PDB file of N, CA and C in Angstrom:
ATOM      1  N   MET A   1      -2.154 -41.942 -64.328  1.00  0.00           N
ATOM      2  CA  MET A   1      -1.597 -42.246 -63.503  1.00  0.00           C
ATOM      3  C   MET A   1      -0.122 -42.646 -63.973  1.00  0.00           C
ATOM      4  N   ILE A   2       0.975 -42.322 -63.538  1.00  0.00           N
ATOM      5  CA  ILE A   2       2.393 -43.420 -63.581  1.00  0.00           C
ATOM      6  C   ILE A   2       2.264 -44.559 -62.782  1.00  0.00           C
ATOM      7  N   ASN A   3       2.643 -45.524 -63.460  1.00  0.00           N
ATOM      8  CA  ASN A   3       2.771 -46.696 -62.564  1.00  0.00           C
ATOM      9  C   ASN A   3       4.371 -46.959 -62.626  1.00  0.00           C
ATOM     10  N   GLU A   4       4.678 -47.878 -61.399  1.00  0.00           N
ATOM     11  CA  GLU A   4       6.329 -47.976 -61.041  1.00  0.00           C
ATOM     12  C   GLU A   4       7.057 -48.559 -62.597  1.00  0.00           C
ATOM     13  N   ALA A   5       6.065 -49.531 -63.527  1.00  0.00           N
ATOM     14  CA  ALA A   5       6.550 -49.903 -64.730  1.00  0.00           C
ATOM     15  C   ALA A   5       7.123 -48.927 -65.826  1.00  0.00           C
ATOM     16  N   GLU A   6       6.820 -47.878 -65.505  1.00  0.00           N
ATOM     17  CA  GLU A   6       6.605 -46.430 -66.623  1.00  0.00           C
ATOM     18  C   GLU A   6       7.725 -45.959 -65.967  1.00  0.00           C
ATOM     19  N   ILE A   7       8.021 -45.773 -64.514  1.00  0.00           N
ATOM     20  CA  ILE A   7       9.381 -45.204 -64.396  1.00  0.00           C
ATOM     21  C   ILE A   7      10.755 -45.683 -64.848  1.00  0.00           C
ATOM     22  N   TRP A   8      11.551 -45.337 -65.254  1.00  0.00           N
ATOM     23  CA  TRP A   8      13.432 -46.199 -65.902  1.00  0.00           C
ATOM     24  C   TRP A   8      14.462 -45.161 -65.019  1.00  0.00           C
ATOM     25  N   PHE A   9      15.172 -45.978 -64.828  1.00  0.00           N
ATOM     26  CA  PHE A   9      16.910 -44.989 -64.400  1.00  0.00           C
ATOM     27  C   PHE A   9      17.533 -45.235 -65.572  1.00  0.00           C
ATOM     28  N   THR A  10      18.232 -44.723 -65.205  1.00  0.00           N
ATOM     29  CA  THR A  10      19.498 -44.373 -66.508  1.00  0.00           C
ATOM     30  C   THR A  10      19.925 -45.946 -66.798  1.00  0.00           C
ATOM     31  N   THR A  11      20.251 -46.749 -66.458  1.00  0.00           N
ATOM     32  CA  THR A  11      20.559 -47.387 -66.892  1.00  0.00           C
ATOM     33  C   THR A  11      19.800 -48.665 -67.411  1.00  0.00           C
ATOM     34  N   GLN A  12      18.067 -48.700 -67.450  1.00  0.00           N
ATOM     35  CA  GLN A  12      17.374 -49.475 -67.906  1.00  0.00           C
ATOM     36  C   GLN A  12      17.059 -48.549 -69.073  1.00  0.00           C
ATOM     37  N   VAL A  13      17.329 -46.905 -69.250  1.00  0.00           N
ATOM     38  CA  VAL A  13      17.024 -46.979 -70.501  1.00  0.00           C
ATOM     39  C   VAL A  13      18.405 -47.147 -71.300  1.00  0.00           C
ATOM     40  N   ALA A  14      19.471 -47.284 -70.844  1.00  0.00           N
ATOM     41  CA  ALA A  14      20.662 -47.850 -71.403  1.00  0.00           C
ATOM     42  C   ALA A  14      20.525 -49.385 -72.104  1.00  0.00           C
ATOM     43  N   GLU A  15      20.009 -50.042 -71.674  1.00  0.00           N
ATOM     44  CA  GLU A  15      19.577 -51.481 -71.599  1.00  0.00           C
ATOM     45  C   GLU A  15      18.498 -51.409 -72.935  1.00  0.00           C
ATOM     46  N   TYR A  16      17.404 -50.533 -72.671  1.00  0.00           N
ATOM     47  CA  TYR A  16      16.518 -50.481 -73.672  1.00  0.00           C
ATOM     48  C   TYR A  16      17.134 -50.330 -75.159  1.00  0.00           C
ATOM     49  N   LEU A  17      17.973 -49.163 -74.972  1.00  0.00           N
ATOM     50  CA  LEU A  17      18.424 -48.505 -76.233  1.00  0.00           C
ATOM     51  C   LEU A  17      19.700 -49.191 -76.596  1.00  0.00           C
ATOM     52  N   LYS A  18      20.325 -50.077 -75.874  1.00  0.00           N
ATOM     53  CA  LYS A  18      21.826 -50.777 -76.241  1.00  0.00           C
ATOM     54  C   LYS A  18      22.895 -50.080 -76.347  1.00  0.00           C
ATOM     55  N   THR A  19      22.572 -48.683 -75.253  1.00  0.00           N
ATOM     56  CA  THR A  19      23.886 -47.587 -75.341  1.00  0.00           C
ATOM     57  C   THR A  19      24.430 -47.823 -73.914  1.00  0.00           C
ATOM     58  N   PRO A  20      25.823 -47.348 -73.975  1.00  0.00           N
ATOM     59  CA  PRO A  20      26.332 -47.276 -72.017  1.00  0.00           C
ATOM     60  C   PRO A  20      25.517 -46.409 -71.477  1.00  0.00           C
ATOM     61  N   ALA A  21      25.508 -46.449 -70.275  1.00  0.00           N
ATOM     62  CA  ALA A  21      24.599 -45.442 -69.543  1.00  0.00           C
ATOM     63  C   ALA A  21      25.968 -44.193 -69.557  1.00  0.00           C
ATOM     64  N   THR A  22      27.377 -44.249 -70.009  1.00  0.00           N
ATOM     65  CA  THR A  22      27.511 -43.066 -69.800  1.00  0.00           C
ATOM     66  C   THR A  22      27.251 -42.308 -70.790  1.00  0.00           C
ATOM     67  N   THR A  23      27.146 -42.463 -72.038  1.00  0.00           N
ATOM     68  CA  THR A  23      26.677 -42.092 -73.448  1.00  0.00           C
ATOM     69  C   THR A  23      25.166 -41.503 -73.074  1.00  0.00           C
ATOM     70  N   ILE A  24      24.168 -42.287 -71.910  1.00  0.00           N
ATOM     71  CA  ILE A  24      23.039 -41.700 -71.441  1.00  0.00           C
ATOM     72  C   ILE A  24      23.115 -40.137 -70.762  1.00  0.00           C
ATOM     73  N   ARG A  25      24.057 -40.332 -69.808  1.00  0.00           N
ATOM     74  CA  ARG A  25      24.380 -39.177 -68.889  1.00  0.00           C
ATOM     75  C   ARG A  25      24.978 -38.432 -69.796  1.00  0.00           C
ATOM     76  N   TRP A  26      25.523 -38.382 -71.006  1.00  0.00           N
ATOM     77  CA  TRP A  26      25.929 -37.653 -71.716  1.00  0.00           C
ATOM     78  C   TRP A  26      25.198 -36.819 -72.523  1.00  0.00           C
ATOM     79  N   TRP A  27      24.352 -37.300 -72.775  1.00  0.00           N
ATOM     80  CA  TRP A  27      23.246 -36.926 -73.913  1.00  0.00           C
ATOM     81  C   TRP A  27      22.070 -36.137 -72.848  1.00  0.00           C
ATOM     82  N   ARG A  28      22.563 -36.304 -71.258  1.00  0.00           N
ATOM     83  CA  ARG A  28      21.671 -35.772 -70.563  1.00  0.00           C
ATOM     84  C   ARG A  28      22.014 -34.324 -70.389  1.00  0.00           C
ATOM     85  N   HIS A  29      23.462 -34.298 -69.994  1.00  0.00           N
ATOM     86  CA  HIS A  29      23.866 -33.221 -70.022  1.00  0.00           C
ATOM     87  C   HIS A  29      24.074 -32.179 -71.577  1.00  0.00           C
ATOM     88  N   VAL A  30      24.105 -32.489 -72.009  1.00  0.00           N
ATOM     89  CA  VAL A  30      24.311 -31.932 -73.379  1.00  0.00           C
ATOM     90  C   VAL A  30      22.816 -31.632 -74.010  1.00  0.00           C
ATOM     91  N   GLY A  31      21.932 -31.632 -73.131  1.00  0.00           N
ATOM     92  CA  GLY A  31      20.347 -31.629 -73.378  1.00  0.00           C
ATOM     93  C   GLY A  31      19.764 -32.759 -74.674  1.00  0.00           C
ATOM     94  N   GLN A  32      20.513 -33.880 -75.143  1.00  0.00           N
ATOM     95  CA  GLN A  32      20.163 -34.204 -77.007  1.00  0.00           C
ATOM     96  C   GLN A  32      19.578 -35.709 -76.410  1.00  0.00           C
ATOM     97  N   GLY A  33      19.418 -36.142 -75.589  1.00  0.00           N
ATOM     98  CA  GLY A  33      18.699 -37.316 -74.959  1.00  0.00           C
ATOM     99  C   GLY A  33      16.891 -37.386 -74.773  1.00  0.00           C
ATOM    100  N   PRO A  34      16.738 -38.722 -73.835  1.00  0.00           N
ATOM    101  CA  PRO A  34      15.274 -38.340 -73.667  1.00  0.00           C
ATOM    102  C   PRO A  34      14.930 -37.544 -72.631  1.00  0.00           C
ATOM    103  N   LYS A  35      13.787 -36.649 -72.437  1.00  0.00           N
ATOM    104  CA  LYS A  35      13.224 -36.079 -71.312  1.00  0.00           C
ATOM    105  C   LYS A  35      13.507 -37.087 -70.353  1.00  0.00           C
ATOM    106  N   SER A  36      14.270 -36.143 -69.181  1.00  0.00           N
ATOM    107  CA  SER A  36      14.420 -37.041 -67.766  1.00  0.00           C
ATOM    108  C   SER A  36      13.928 -36.076 -66.650  1.00  0.00           C
ATOM    109  N   PHE A  37      13.761 -36.405 -65.463  1.00  0.00           N
ATOM    110  CA  PHE A  37      13.902 -35.775 -64.103  1.00  0.00           C
ATOM    111  C   PHE A  37      14.110 -36.017 -62.868  1.00  0.00           C
ATOM    112  N   LYS A  38      14.319 -35.266 -62.149  1.00  0.00           N
ATOM    113  CA  LYS A  38      15.181 -35.488 -60.647  1.00  0.00           C
ATOM    114  C   LYS A  38      14.346 -36.179 -59.962  1.00  0.00           C
ATOM    115  N   LEU A  39      14.753 -37.260 -59.499  1.00  0.00           N
ATOM    116  CA  LEU A  39      13.543 -38.207 -58.611  1.00  0.00           C
ATOM    117  C   LEU A  39      14.125 -38.052 -56.986  1.00  0.00           C
ATOM    118  N   GLY A  40      14.051 -37.496 -56.053  1.00  0.00           N
ATOM    119  CA  GLY A  40      14.955 -37.262 -55.138  1.00  0.00           C
ATOM    120  C   GLY A  40      15.805 -36.471 -55.182  1.00  0.00           C
ATOM    121  N   ALA A  41      16.953 -36.695 -54.336  1.00  0.00           N
ATOM    122  CA  ALA A  41      18.365 -35.750 -54.608  1.00  0.00           C
ATOM    123  C   ALA A  41      19.183 -36.189 -55.937  1.00  0.00           C
ATOM    124  N   ARG A  42      19.400 -37.493 -56.081  1.00  0.00           N
ATOM    125  CA  ARG A  42      20.226 -37.967 -56.863  1.00  0.00           C
ATOM    126  C   ARG A  42      19.794 -39.047 -58.077  1.00  0.00           C
ATOM    127  N   LYS A  43      18.313 -39.234 -58.014  1.00  0.00           N
ATOM    128  CA  LYS A  43      18.420 -40.106 -58.996  1.00  0.00           C
ATOM    129  C   LYS A  43      17.689 -39.128 -59.894  1.00  0.00           C
ATOM    130  N   VAL A  44      17.883 -39.701 -61.466  1.00  0.00           N
ATOM    131  CA  VAL A  44      17.943 -39.211 -62.589  1.00  0.00           C
ATOM    132  C   VAL A  44      17.024 -40.280 -62.959  1.00  0.00           C
ATOM    133  N   ALA A  45      15.352 -39.685 -63.126  1.00  0.00           N
ATOM    134  CA  ALA A  45      14.682 -40.817 -63.637  1.00  0.00           C
ATOM    135  C   ALA A  45      13.985 -40.164 -65.144  1.00  0.00           C
ATOM    136  N   TYR A  46      13.490 -41.417 -66.455  1.00  0.00           N
ATOM    137  CA  TYR A  46      12.677 -41.007 -67.220  1.00  0.00           C
ATOM    138  C   TYR A  46      11.600 -41.817 -67.422  1.00  0.00           C
ATOM    139  N   LEU A  47      10.240 -41.319 -68.059  1.00  0.00           N
ATOM    140  CA  LEU A  47       9.135 -42.326 -68.080  1.00  0.00           C
ATOM    141  C   LEU A  47       9.521 -42.726 -69.783  1.00  0.00           C
ATOM    142  N   ARG A  48       8.757 -44.375 -69.284  1.00  0.00           N
ATOM    143  CA  ARG A  48       8.957 -45.016 -71.111  1.00  0.00           C
ATOM    144  C   ARG A  48       8.935 -44.355 -71.943  1.00  0.00           C
ATOM    145  N   ARG A  49       7.572 -43.428 -71.812  1.00  0.00           N
ATOM    146  CA  ARG A  49       6.635 -42.910 -73.225  1.00  0.00           C
ATOM    147  C   ARG A  49       7.693 -41.924 -73.445  1.00  0.00           C
ATOM    148  N   ASP A  50       8.171 -41.359 -72.751  1.00  0.00           N
ATOM    149  CA  ASP A  50       9.233 -40.692 -73.118  1.00  0.00           C
ATOM    150  C   ASP A  50      10.260 -40.535 -74.092  1.00  0.00           C
ATOM    151  N   VAL A  51      11.474 -41.990 -73.584  1.00  0.00           N
ATOM    152  CA  VAL A  51      12.089 -42.405 -74.138  1.00  0.00           C
ATOM    153  C   VAL A  51      11.884 -43.255 -75.002  1.00  0.00           C
ATOM    154  N   GLU A  52      10.300 -43.424 -75.482  1.00  0.00           N
ATOM    155  CA  GLU A  52       9.942 -44.385 -76.550  1.00  0.00           C
ATOM    156  C   GLU A  52       9.751 -42.832 -77.579  1.00  0.00           C
ATOM    157  N   ALA A  53       9.213 -42.044 -77.356  1.00  0.00           N
ATOM    158  CA  ALA A  53       8.756 -40.778 -78.101  1.00  0.00           C
ATOM    159  C   ALA A  53       9.893 -39.840 -78.998  1.00  0.00           C
ATOM    160  N   TRP A  54      11.229 -40.434 -77.823  1.00  0.00           N
ATOM    161  CA  TRP A  54      12.581 -39.857 -78.603  1.00  0.00           C
ATOM    162  C   TRP A  54      13.214 -40.610 -79.376  1.00  0.00           C
ATOM    163  N   LEU A  55      12.715 -41.906 -79.048  1.00  0.00           N
ATOM    164  CA  LEU A  55      13.662 -42.798 -79.999  1.00  0.00           C
ATOM    165  C   LEU A  55      12.974 -42.807 -81.464  1.00  0.00           C
ATOM    166  N   GLU A  56      11.235 -42.574 -81.378  1.00  0.00           N
ATOM    167  CA  GLU A  56      10.613 -42.514 -82.708  1.00  0.00           C
ATOM    168  C   GLU A  56      11.043 -41.219 -83.037  1.00  0.00           C
ATOM    169  N   GLU A  57      11.421 -40.006 -82.335  1.00  0.00           N
ATOM    170  CA  GLU A  57      11.558 -38.589 -83.492  1.00  0.00           C
ATOM    171  C   GLU A  57      13.132 -39.295 -83.803  1.00  0.00           C
ATOM    172  N   GLN A  58      14.070 -39.695 -83.281  1.00  0.00           N
ATOM    173  CA  GLN A  58      15.207 -39.983 -83.842  1.00  0.00           C
ATOM    174  C   GLN A  58      15.038 -40.532 -85.300  1.00  0.00           C
ATOM    175  N   TYR A  59      14.083 -41.722 -85.066  1.00  0.00           N
ATOM    176  CA  TYR A  59      13.815 -42.386 -86.639  1.00  0.00           C
ATOM    177  C   TYR A  59      13.588 -41.294 -87.429  1.00  0.00           C
ATOM    178  N   THR A  60      12.464 -40.944 -86.942  1.00  0.00           N
ATOM    179  CA  THR A  60      11.954 -40.134 -88.062  1.00  0.00           C
ATOM    180  C   THR A  60      12.757 -39.098 -88.689  1.00  0.00           C
ATOM    181  N   SER A  61      13.680 -38.285 -88.091  1.00  0.00           N
ATOM    182  CA  SER A  61      13.931 -37.047 -88.198  1.00  0.00           C
ATOM    183  C   SER A  61      15.659 -37.447 -88.948  1.00  0.00           C
ATOM    184  N   GLN A  62      15.771 -38.777 -89.134  1.00  0.00           N
ATOM    185  CA  GLN A  62      17.086 -38.626 -89.759  1.00  0.00           C
ATOM    186  C   GLN A  62      16.855 -40.006 -90.733  1.00  0.00           C
ATOM    187  N   ALA A  63      15.194 -40.722 -91.230  1.00  0.00           N
ATOM    188  CA  ALA A  63      15.142 -41.695 -91.852  1.00  0.00           C
ATOM    189  C   ALA A  63      15.581 -41.253 -93.208  1.00  0.00           C
ATOM    190  N   VAL A  64      16.399 -42.094 -93.873  1.00  0.00           N
ATOM    191  CA  VAL A  64      16.961 -41.911 -95.288  1.00  0.00           C
ATOM    192  C   VAL A  64      15.762 -42.304 -96.287  1.00  0.00           C
TER     193      VAL A  64
END
């Protein structure tokens, strides 16, 4: 079961990744960012585990 602490919104993802929210929105638009889903009509949400998995994938695919 998913609890509230696991659901993040764009601003929380941006804070976690130390990236502007506009960048997070752009990544979503072009299909490059963490997996997201609609929560209601206008809210975009992320699961913390999906953000962390995406970050790990970025690290392992680009590690030198």
